[in-house]
Amino acid sequence: MNAAVAKLADAAAGGGRQSASREPIAVLGAHPQSGKDIKVMAGRYGPYVTDGSTHATIPKGTEPKSVTLDQAVEWIDAKAAKGPSKKKPARRKKAKA
């Protein structure tokens, strides 16, 4: 009984799934066009740079702490130019004969 109460208390306190911290690895400065702060963050699928609205993945082999403001602006602008990702069309159900 005590073990069950302890597990429930742990789950209520957020002890279940571990999430990445929301603290930035580095704050690089303001974006030249938008004026928003550019941050280097650690994400579920790897490090990325963000200006608050656009998230751009850091290329493999690049150390997140060594990213410069110019590199981050280039990646964010390239990601914004690509536009939103394309959604896959919904699969249609086959009618039974």
PDB file of N, CA and C in Angstrom:
ATOM      1  N   MET A   1       0.831  -1.194   0.000  1.00  0.00           N
ATOM      2  CA  MET A   1       0.000   0.000   0.000  1.00  0.00           C
ATOM      3  C   MET A   1       0.873   1.255   0.000  1.00  0.00           C
ATOM      4  N   ASN A   2       1.910   1.265   0.826  1.00  0.00           N
ATOM      5  CA  ASN A   2       2.791   2.425   0.891  1.00  0.00           C
ATOM      6  C   ASN A   2       3.525   2.641  -0.427  1.00  0.00           C
ATOM      7  N   ALA A   3       3.905   1.537  -1.079  1.00  0.00           N
ATOM      8  CA  ALA A   3       4.596   1.664  -2.358  1.00  0.00           C
ATOM      9  C   ALA A   3       3.677   2.275  -3.408  1.00  0.00           C
ATOM     10  N   ALA A   4       2.399   1.894  -3.385  1.00  0.00           N
ATOM     11  CA  ALA A   4       1.446   2.442  -4.345  1.00  0.00           C
ATOM     12  C   ALA A   4       1.239   3.939  -4.119  1.00  0.00           C
ATOM     13  N   VAL A   5       1.143   4.333  -2.861  1.00  0.00           N
ATOM     14  CA  VAL A   5       0.975   5.756  -2.544  1.00  0.00           C
ATOM     15  C   VAL A   5       2.212   6.532  -2.983  1.00  0.00           C
ATOM     16  N   ALA A   6       3.391   5.966  -2.785  1.00  0.00           N
ATOM     17  CA  ALA A   6       4.629   6.635  -3.190  1.00  0.00           C
ATOM     18  C   ALA A   6       4.691   6.783  -4.705  1.00  0.00           C
ATOM     19  N   LYS A   7       4.256   5.755  -5.464  1.00  0.00           N
ATOM     20  CA  LYS A   7       4.269   5.836  -6.927  1.00  0.00           C
ATOM     21  C   LYS A   7       3.287   6.893  -7.426  1.00  0.00           C
ATOM     22  N   LEU A   8       2.121   6.956  -6.812  1.00  0.00           N
ATOM     23  CA  LEU A   8       1.140   7.973  -7.203  1.00  0.00           C
ATOM     24  C   LEU A   8       1.645   9.381  -6.915  1.00  0.00           C
ATOM     25  N   ALA A   9       2.294   9.554  -5.781  1.00  0.00           N
ATOM     26  CA  ALA A   9       2.849  10.864  -5.438  1.00  0.00           C
ATOM     27  C   ALA A   9       3.960  11.246  -6.406  1.00  0.00           C
ATOM     28  N   ASP A  10       4.777  10.270  -6.806  1.00  0.00           N
ATOM     29  CA  ASP A  10       5.872  10.510  -7.741  1.00  0.00           C
ATOM     30  C   ASP A  10       5.312  10.904  -9.108  1.00  0.00           C
ATOM     31  N   ALA A  11       4.263  10.221  -9.559  1.00  0.00           N
ATOM     32  CA  ALA A  11       3.652  10.528 -10.849  1.00  0.00           C
ATOM     33  C   ALA A  11       3.014  11.916 -10.834  1.00  0.00           C
ATOM     34  N   ALA A  12       2.392  12.282  -9.727  1.00  0.00           N
ATOM     35  CA  ALA A  12       1.765  13.597  -9.630  1.00  0.00           C
ATOM     36  C   ALA A  12       2.792  14.716  -9.637  1.00  0.00           C
ATOM     37  N   ALA A  13       3.986  14.423  -9.146  1.00  0.00           N
ATOM     38  CA  ALA A  13       5.047  15.426  -9.102  1.00  0.00           C
ATOM     39  C   ALA A  13       5.805  15.497 -10.422  1.00  0.00           C
ATOM     40  N   GLY A  14       5.384  14.723 -11.419  1.00  0.00           N
ATOM     41  CA  GLY A  14       6.055  14.761 -12.715  1.00  0.00           C
ATOM     42  C   GLY A  14       7.238  13.845 -12.787  1.00  0.00           C
ATOM     43  N   GLY A  15       7.272  12.820 -12.006  1.00  0.00           N
ATOM     44  CA  GLY A  15       8.408  11.903 -11.989  1.00  0.00           C
ATOM     45  C   GLY A  15       8.360  10.846 -13.056  1.00  0.00           C
ATOM     46  N   GLY A  16       7.329  10.817 -13.882  1.00  0.00           N
ATOM     47  CA  GLY A  16       7.191   9.806 -14.923  1.00  0.00           C
ATOM     48  C   GLY A  16       8.160  10.027 -16.058  1.00  0.00           C
ATOM     49  N   ARG A  17       7.683  10.574 -17.135  1.00  0.00           N
ATOM     50  CA  ARG A  17       8.504  10.805 -18.320  1.00  0.00           C
ATOM     51  C   ARG A  17       9.456  11.974 -18.069  1.00  0.00           C
ATOM     52  N   GLN A  18      10.698  11.771 -18.402  1.00  0.00           N
ATOM     53  CA  GLN A  18      11.693  12.837 -18.250  1.00  0.00           C
ATOM     54  C   GLN A  18      11.669  13.707 -19.493  1.00  0.00           C
ATOM     55  N   SER A  19      11.489  14.984 -19.331  1.00  0.00           N
ATOM     56  CA  SER A  19      11.494  15.901 -20.455  1.00  0.00           C
ATOM     57  C   SER A  19      12.776  16.730 -20.422  1.00  0.00           C
ATOM     58  N   ALA A  20      13.167  17.196 -21.597  1.00  0.00           N
ATOM     59  CA  ALA A  20      14.363  18.023 -21.692  1.00  0.00           C
ATOM     60  C   ALA A  20      14.106  19.354 -20.989  1.00  0.00           C
ATOM     61  N   SER A  21      15.143  19.896 -20.429  1.00  0.00           N
ATOM     62  CA  SER A  21      14.977  21.170 -19.738  1.00  0.00           C
ATOM     63  C   SER A  21      14.698  22.272 -20.757  1.00  0.00           C
ATOM     64  N   ARG A  22      13.967  23.243 -20.368  1.00  0.00           N
ATOM     65  CA  ARG A  22      13.598  24.341 -21.245  1.00  0.00           C
ATOM     66  C   ARG A  22      14.598  25.487 -21.143  1.00  0.00           C
ATOM     67  N   GLU A  23      15.702  25.260 -20.465  1.00  0.00           N
ATOM     68  CA  GLU A  23      16.743  26.278 -20.376  1.00  0.00           C
ATOM     69  C   GLU A  23      17.571  26.252 -21.657  1.00  0.00           C
ATOM     70  N   PRO A  24      17.863  27.403 -22.241  1.00  0.00           N
ATOM     71  CA  PRO A  24      18.673  27.413 -23.461  1.00  0.00           C
ATOM     72  C   PRO A  24      20.128  27.052 -23.176  1.00  0.00           C
ATOM     73  N   ILE A  25      20.752  26.412 -24.155  1.00  0.00           N
ATOM     74  CA  ILE A  25      22.176  26.112 -24.067  1.00  0.00           C
ATOM     75  C   ILE A  25      22.958  27.415 -24.174  1.00  0.00           C
ATOM     76  N   ALA A  26      22.504  28.293 -25.077  1.00  0.00           N
ATOM     77  CA  ALA A  26      23.148  29.590 -25.265  1.00  0.00           C
ATOM     78  C   ALA A  26      22.144  30.584 -25.833  1.00  0.00           C
ATOM     79  N   VAL A  27      22.308  31.847 -25.496  1.00  0.00           N
ATOM     80  CA  VAL A  27      21.532  32.936 -26.088  1.00  0.00           C
ATOM     81  C   VAL A  27      22.514  33.718 -26.956  1.00  0.00           C
ATOM     82  N   LEU A  28      22.227  33.769 -28.263  1.00  0.00           N
ATOM     83  CA  LEU A  28      23.188  34.329 -29.209  1.00  0.00           C
ATOM     84  C   LEU A  28      23.005  35.820 -29.464  1.00  0.00           C
ATOM     85  N   GLY A  29      21.819  36.330 -29.277  1.00  0.00           N
ATOM     86  CA  GLY A  29      21.564  37.745 -29.541  1.00  0.00           C
ATOM     87  C   GLY A  29      20.282  37.909 -30.314  1.00  0.00           C
ATOM     88  N   ALA A  30      20.056  39.100 -30.833  1.00  0.00           N
ATOM     89  CA  ALA A  30      18.814  39.419 -31.536  1.00  0.00           C
ATOM     90  C   ALA A  30      18.937  39.120 -33.027  1.00  0.00           C
ATOM     91  N   HIS A  31      17.838  38.641 -33.608  1.00  0.00           N
ATOM     92  CA  HIS A  31      17.770  38.388 -35.052  1.00  0.00           C
ATOM     93  C   HIS A  31      17.759  39.747 -35.754  1.00  0.00           C
ATOM     94  N   PRO A  32      18.534  39.910 -36.827  1.00  0.00           N
ATOM     95  CA  PRO A  32      18.624  41.219 -37.491  1.00  0.00           C
ATOM     96  C   PRO A  32      17.297  41.748 -38.034  1.00  0.00           C
ATOM     97  N   GLN A  33      16.437  40.883 -38.596  1.00  0.00           N
ATOM     98  CA  GLN A  33      15.181  41.364 -39.164  1.00  0.00           C
ATOM     99  C   GLN A  33      14.056  41.441 -38.134  1.00  0.00           C
ATOM    100  N   SER A  34      13.880  40.377 -37.349  1.00  0.00           N
ATOM    101  CA  SER A  34      12.726  40.335 -36.439  1.00  0.00           C
ATOM    102  C   SER A  34      13.024  40.967 -35.081  1.00  0.00           C
ATOM    103  N   GLY A  35      14.279  41.005 -34.676  1.00  0.00           N
ATOM    104  CA  GLY A  35      14.639  41.570 -33.384  1.00  0.00           C
ATOM    105  C   GLY A  35      14.433  40.628 -32.211  1.00  0.00           C
ATOM    106  N   LYS A  36      13.976  39.389 -32.483  1.00  0.00           N
ATOM    107  CA  LYS A  36      13.759  38.415 -31.412  1.00  0.00           C
ATOM    108  C   LYS A  36      15.077  37.761 -31.026  1.00  0.00           C
ATOM    109  N   ASP A  37      15.188  37.349 -29.748  1.00  0.00           N
ATOM    110  CA  ASP A  37      16.398  36.677 -29.285  1.00  0.00           C
ATOM    111  C   ASP A  37      16.512  35.302 -29.919  1.00  0.00           C
ATOM    112  N   ILE A  38      17.708  34.959 -30.373  1.00  0.00           N
ATOM    113  CA  ILE A  38      17.985  33.641 -30.926  1.00  0.00           C
ATOM    114  C   ILE A  38      18.631  32.809 -29.836  1.00  0.00           C
ATOM    115  N   LYS A  39      18.069  31.614 -29.615  1.00  0.00           N
ATOM    116  CA  LYS A  39      18.559  30.724 -28.567  1.00  0.00           C
ATOM    117  C   LYS A  39      18.931  29.378 -29.152  1.00  0.00           C
ATOM    118  N   VAL A  40      19.929  28.743 -28.562  1.00  0.00           N
ATOM    119  CA  VAL A  40      20.294  27.368 -28.891  1.00  0.00           C
ATOM    120  C   VAL A  40      19.657  26.494 -27.821  1.00  0.00           C
ATOM    121  N   MET A  41      18.822  25.546 -28.245  1.00  0.00           N
ATOM    122  CA  MET A  41      18.077  24.703 -27.317  1.00  0.00           C
ATOM    123  C   MET A  41      18.415  23.236 -27.545  1.00  0.00           C
ATOM    124  N   ALA A  42      18.215  22.432 -26.502  1.00  0.00           N
ATOM    125  CA  ALA A  42      18.369  20.982 -26.604  1.00  0.00           C
ATOM    126  C   ALA A  42      16.980  20.392 -26.750  1.00  0.00           C
ATOM    127  N   GLY A  43      16.740  19.692 -27.846  1.00  0.00           N
ATOM    128  CA  GLY A  43      15.427  19.128 -28.102  1.00  0.00           C
ATOM    129  C   GLY A  43      15.428  17.618 -28.078  1.00  0.00           C
ATOM    130  N   ARG A  44      14.269  17.067 -28.230  1.00  0.00           N
ATOM    131  CA  ARG A  44      14.095  15.618 -28.215  1.00  0.00           C
ATOM    132  C   ARG A  44      14.863  14.951 -29.341  1.00  0.00           C
ATOM    133  N   TYR A  45      14.911  15.591 -30.501  1.00  0.00           N
ATOM    134  CA  TYR A  45      15.577  15.021 -31.661  1.00  0.00           C
ATOM    135  C   TYR A  45      16.925  15.677 -31.945  1.00  0.00           C
ATOM    136  N   GLY A  46      17.486  16.359 -30.976  1.00  0.00           N
ATOM    137  CA  GLY A  46      18.788  16.978 -31.129  1.00  0.00           C
ATOM    138  C   GLY A  46      18.720  18.478 -30.925  1.00  0.00           C
ATOM    139  N   PRO A  47      19.867  19.124 -30.920  1.00  0.00           N
ATOM    140  CA  PRO A  47      19.902  20.569 -30.677  1.00  0.00           C
ATOM    141  C   PRO A  47      19.339  21.355 -31.866  1.00  0.00           C
ATOM    142  N   TYR A  48      18.784  22.524 -31.560  1.00  0.00           N
ATOM    143  CA  TYR A  48      18.219  23.382 -32.590  1.00  0.00           C
ATOM    144  C   TYR A  48      18.367  24.834 -32.161  1.00  0.00           C
ATOM    145  N   VAL A  49      18.204  25.737 -33.139  1.00  0.00           N
ATOM    146  CA  VAL A  49      18.204  27.168 -32.852  1.00  0.00           C
ATOM    147  C   VAL A  49      16.796  27.680 -33.115  1.00  0.00           C
ATOM    148  N   THR A  50      16.381  28.660 -32.327  1.00  0.00           N
ATOM    149  CA  THR A  50      15.038  29.205 -32.471  1.00  0.00           C
ATOM    150  C   THR A  50      15.032  30.696 -32.199  1.00  0.00           C
ATOM    151  N   ASP A  51      14.106  31.379 -32.862  1.00  0.00           N
ATOM    152  CA  ASP A  51      13.883  32.791 -32.565  1.00  0.00           C
ATOM    153  C   ASP A  51      12.520  32.978 -31.903  1.00  0.00           C
ATOM    154  N   GLY A  52      11.942  31.885 -31.442  1.00  0.00           N
ATOM    155  CA  GLY A  52      10.653  31.938 -30.781  1.00  0.00           C
ATOM    156  C   GLY A  52       9.526  31.437 -31.660  1.00  0.00           C
ATOM    157  N   SER A  53       9.654  31.599 -32.978  1.00  0.00           N
ATOM    158  CA  SER A  53       8.607  31.124 -33.874  1.00  0.00           C
ATOM    159  C   SER A  53       9.140  30.105 -34.874  1.00  0.00           C
ATOM    160  N   THR A  54      10.363  30.260 -35.332  1.00  0.00           N
ATOM    161  CA  THR A  54      10.959  29.338 -36.287  1.00  0.00           C
ATOM    162  C   THR A  54      12.047  28.534 -35.595  1.00  0.00           C
ATOM    163  N   HIS A  55      11.987  27.205 -35.758  1.00  0.00           N
ATOM    164  CA  HIS A  55      12.980  26.311 -35.170  1.00  0.00           C
ATOM    165  C   HIS A  55      13.771  25.665 -36.300  1.00  0.00           C
ATOM    166  N   ALA A  56      15.100  25.759 -36.239  1.00  0.00           N
ATOM    167  CA  ALA A  56      15.952  25.172 -37.261  1.00  0.00           C
ATOM    168  C   ALA A  56      16.934  24.203 -36.603  1.00  0.00           C
ATOM    169  N   THR A  57      17.009  22.998 -37.143  1.00  0.00           N
ATOM    170  CA  THR A  57      17.893  21.978 -36.605  1.00  0.00           C
ATOM    171  C   THR A  57      19.339  22.339 -36.886  1.00  0.00           C
ATOM    172  N   ILE A  58      20.190  22.109 -35.904  1.00  0.00           N
ATOM    173  CA  ILE A  58      21.629  22.328 -36.069  1.00  0.00           C
ATOM    174  C   ILE A  58      22.188  21.118 -36.811  1.00  0.00           C
ATOM    175  N   PRO A  59      22.986  21.315 -37.870  1.00  0.00           N
ATOM    176  CA  PRO A  59      23.528  20.177 -38.625  1.00  0.00           C
ATOM    177  C   PRO A  59      24.380  19.260 -37.755  1.00  0.00           C
ATOM    178  N   LYS A  60      24.354  17.969 -38.097  1.00  0.00           N
ATOM    179  CA  LYS A  60      25.147  16.995 -37.355  1.00  0.00           C
ATOM    180  C   LYS A  60      26.616  17.339 -37.472  1.00  0.00           C
ATOM    181  N   GLY A  61      27.358  17.103 -36.403  1.00  0.00           N
ATOM    182  CA  GLY A  61      28.775  17.389 -36.384  1.00  0.00           C
ATOM    183  C   GLY A  61      29.102  18.797 -35.889  1.00  0.00           C
ATOM    184  N   THR A  62      28.087  19.622 -35.700  1.00  0.00           N
ATOM    185  CA  THR A  62      28.297  20.978 -35.200  1.00  0.00           C
ATOM    186  C   THR A  62      28.039  20.991 -33.700  1.00  0.00           C
ATOM    187  N   GLU A  63      28.981  21.492 -32.954  1.00  0.00           N
ATOM    188  CA  GLU A  63      28.850  21.592 -31.496  1.00  0.00           C
ATOM    189  C   GLU A  63      27.865  22.715 -31.165  1.00  0.00           C
ATOM    190  N   PRO A  64      26.797  22.424 -30.401  1.00  0.00           N
ATOM    191  CA  PRO A  64      25.798  23.454 -30.100  1.00  0.00           C
ATOM    192  C   PRO A  64      26.357  24.686 -29.390  1.00  0.00           C
ATOM    193  N   LYS A  65      27.377  24.510 -28.564  1.00  0.00           N
ATOM    194  CA  LYS A  65      27.934  25.652 -27.838  1.00  0.00           C
ATOM    195  C   LYS A  65      28.820  26.526 -28.718  1.00  0.00           C
ATOM    196  N   SER A  66      29.218  26.017 -29.892  1.00  0.00           N
ATOM    197  CA  SER A  66      30.094  26.795 -30.760  1.00  0.00           C
ATOM    198  C   SER A  66      29.337  27.491 -31.899  1.00  0.00           C
ATOM    199  N   VAL A  67      28.006  27.450 -31.879  1.00  0.00           N
ATOM    200  CA  VAL A  67      27.201  28.089 -32.926  1.00  0.00           C
ATOM    201  C   VAL A  67      27.297  29.602 -32.790  1.00  0.00           C
ATOM    202  N   THR A  68      27.490  30.278 -33.925  1.00  0.00           N
ATOM    203  CA  THR A  68      27.576  31.737 -33.922  1.00  0.00           C
ATOM    204  C   THR A  68      26.231  32.336 -34.330  1.00  0.00           C
ATOM    205  N   LEU A  69      26.071  33.614 -34.091  1.00  0.00           N
ATOM    206  CA  LEU A  69      24.837  34.303 -34.446  1.00  0.00           C
ATOM    207  C   LEU A  69      24.611  34.266 -35.954  1.00  0.00           C
ATOM    208  N   ASP A  70      25.675  34.443 -36.741  1.00  0.00           N
ATOM    209  CA  ASP A  70      25.539  34.436 -38.196  1.00  0.00           C
ATOM    210  C   ASP A  70      25.054  33.084 -38.710  1.00  0.00           C
ATOM    211  N   GLN A  71      25.614  31.996 -38.153  1.00  0.00           N
ATOM    212  CA  GLN A  71      25.170  30.658 -38.558  1.00  0.00           C
ATOM    213  C   GLN A  71      23.701  30.454 -38.214  1.00  0.00           C
ATOM    214  N   ALA A  72      23.312  30.842 -37.010  1.00  0.00           N
ATOM    215  CA  ALA A  72      21.939  30.646 -36.561  1.00  0.00           C
ATOM    216  C   ALA A  72      20.958  31.434 -37.421  1.00  0.00           C
ATOM    217  N   VAL A  73      21.296  32.675 -37.764  1.00  0.00           N
ATOM    218  CA  VAL A  73      20.431  33.496 -38.616  1.00  0.00           C
ATOM    219  C   VAL A  73      20.289  32.833 -39.986  1.00  0.00           C
ATOM    220  N   GLU A  74      21.376  32.311 -40.512  1.00  0.00           N
ATOM    221  CA  GLU A  74      21.349  31.643 -41.820  1.00  0.00           C
ATOM    222  C   GLU A  74      20.421  30.421 -41.780  1.00  0.00           C
ATOM    223  N   TRP A  75      20.535  29.580 -40.749  1.00  0.00           N
ATOM    224  CA  TRP A  75      19.706  28.375 -40.620  1.00  0.00           C
ATOM    225  C   TRP A  75      18.236  28.735 -40.437  1.00  0.00           C
ATOM    226  N   ILE A  76      17.958  29.736 -39.610  1.00  0.00           N
ATOM    227  CA  ILE A  76      16.561  30.133 -39.358  1.00  0.00           C
ATOM    228  C   ILE A  76      15.937  30.724 -40.617  1.00  0.00           C
ATOM    229  N   ASP A  77      16.675  31.560 -41.344  1.00  0.00           N
ATOM    230  CA  ASP A  77      16.147  32.151 -42.571  1.00  0.00           C
ATOM    231  C   ASP A  77      15.895  31.080 -43.637  1.00  0.00           C
ATOM    232  N   ALA A  78      16.788  30.084 -43.726  1.00  0.00           N
ATOM    233  CA  ALA A  78      16.606  28.998 -44.689  1.00  0.00           C
ATOM    234  C   ALA A  78      15.376  28.166 -44.334  1.00  0.00           C
ATOM    235  N   LYS A  79      15.182  27.906 -43.065  1.00  0.00           N
ATOM    236  CA  LYS A  79      14.012  27.135 -42.616  1.00  0.00           C
ATOM    237  C   LYS A  79      12.727  27.914 -42.871  1.00  0.00           C
ATOM    238  N   ALA A  80      12.724  29.207 -42.625  1.00  0.00           N
ATOM    239  CA  ALA A  80      11.540  30.034 -42.864  1.00  0.00           C
ATOM    240  C   ALA A  80      11.218  30.109 -44.360  1.00  0.00           C
ATOM    241  N   ALA A  81      12.247  30.108 -45.207  1.00  0.00           N
ATOM    242  CA  ALA A  81      12.032  30.183 -46.646  1.00  0.00           C
ATOM    243  C   ALA A  81      11.408  28.892 -47.186  1.00  0.00           C
ATOM    244  N   LYS A  82      11.695  27.766 -46.547  1.00  0.00           N
ATOM    245  CA  LYS A  82      11.121  26.494 -46.985  1.00  0.00           C
ATOM    246  C   LYS A  82       9.620  26.444 -46.742  1.00  0.00           C
ATOM    247  N   GLY A  83       9.152  27.144 -45.745  1.00  0.00           N
ATOM    248  CA  GLY A  83       7.728  27.150 -45.434  1.00  0.00           C
ATOM    249  C   GLY A  83       7.354  25.976 -44.543  1.00  0.00           C
ATOM    250  N   PRO A  84       6.068  25.857 -44.238  1.00  0.00           N
ATOM    251  CA  PRO A  84       5.631  24.769 -43.359  1.00  0.00           C
ATOM    252  C   PRO A  84       5.769  23.413 -44.041  1.00  0.00           C
ATOM    253  N   SER A  85       5.874  22.367 -43.239  1.00  0.00           N
ATOM    254  CA  SER A  85       6.010  21.024 -43.785  1.00  0.00           C
ATOM    255  C   SER A  85       4.708  20.593 -44.445  1.00  0.00           C
ATOM    256  N   LYS A  86       4.842  19.749 -45.449  1.00  0.00           N
ATOM    257  CA  LYS A  86       3.676  19.257 -46.180  1.00  0.00           C
ATOM    258  C   LYS A  86       3.029  18.133 -45.382  1.00  0.00           C
ATOM    259  N   LYS A  87       1.728  18.179 -45.274  1.00  0.00           N
ATOM    260  CA  LYS A  87       0.978  17.128 -44.594  1.00  0.00           C
ATOM    261  C   LYS A  87       0.700  15.998 -45.575  1.00  0.00           C
ATOM    262  N   LYS A  88       0.784  14.764 -45.078  1.00  0.00           N
ATOM    263  CA  LYS A  88       0.454  13.621 -45.912  1.00  0.00           C
ATOM    264  C   LYS A  88      -1.062  13.540 -46.052  1.00  0.00           C
ATOM    265  N   PRO A  89      -1.549  13.152 -47.225  1.00  0.00           N
ATOM    266  CA  PRO A  89      -2.996  13.039 -47.384  1.00  0.00           C
ATOM    267  C   PRO A  89      -3.541  11.903 -46.522  1.00  0.00           C
ATOM    268  N   ALA A  90      -4.758  12.069 -46.067  1.00  0.00           N
ATOM    269  CA  ALA A  90      -5.392  11.050 -45.231  1.00  0.00           C
ATOM    270  C   ALA A  90      -5.649   9.795 -46.064  1.00  0.00           C
ATOM    271  N   ARG A  91      -5.471   8.651 -45.438  1.00  0.00           N
ATOM    272  CA  ARG A  91      -5.721   7.392 -46.130  1.00  0.00           C
ATOM    273  C   ARG A  91      -7.221   7.148 -46.191  1.00  0.00           C
ATOM    274  N   ARG A  92      -7.671   6.744 -47.339  1.00  0.00           N
ATOM    275  CA  ARG A  92      -9.088   6.468 -47.498  1.00  0.00           C
ATOM    276  C   ARG A  92      -9.378   5.019 -47.138  1.00  0.00           C
ATOM    277  N   LYS A  93     -10.480   4.823 -46.478  1.00  0.00           N
ATOM    278  CA  LYS A  93     -10.879   3.462 -46.107  1.00  0.00           C
ATOM    279  C   LYS A  93     -11.455   2.766 -47.333  1.00  0.00           C
ATOM    280  N   LYS A  94     -11.111   1.488 -47.462  1.00  0.00           N
ATOM    281  CA  LYS A  94     -11.646   0.705 -48.552  1.00  0.00           C
ATOM    282  C   LYS A  94     -13.043   0.208 -48.211  1.00  0.00           C
ATOM    283  N   ALA A  95     -13.922   0.262 -49.172  1.00  0.00           N
ATOM    284  CA  ALA A  95     -15.285  -0.201 -48.943  1.00  0.00           C
ATOM    285  C   ALA A  95     -15.304  -1.728 -48.986  1.00  0.00           C
ATOM    286  N   LYS A  96     -16.073  -2.304 -48.094  1.00  0.00           N
ATOM    287  CA  LYS A  96     -16.191  -3.768 -48.078  1.00  0.00           C
ATOM    288  C   LYS A  96     -17.124  -4.208 -49.180  1.00  0.00           C
ATOM    289  N   ALA A  97     -16.784  -5.300 -49.801  1.00  0.00           N
ATOM    290  CA  ALA A  97     -17.591  -5.793 -50.923  1.00  0.00           C
ATOM    291  C   ALA A  97     -18.796  -6.547 -50.462  1.00  0.00           C
TER     292      ALA A  97
END
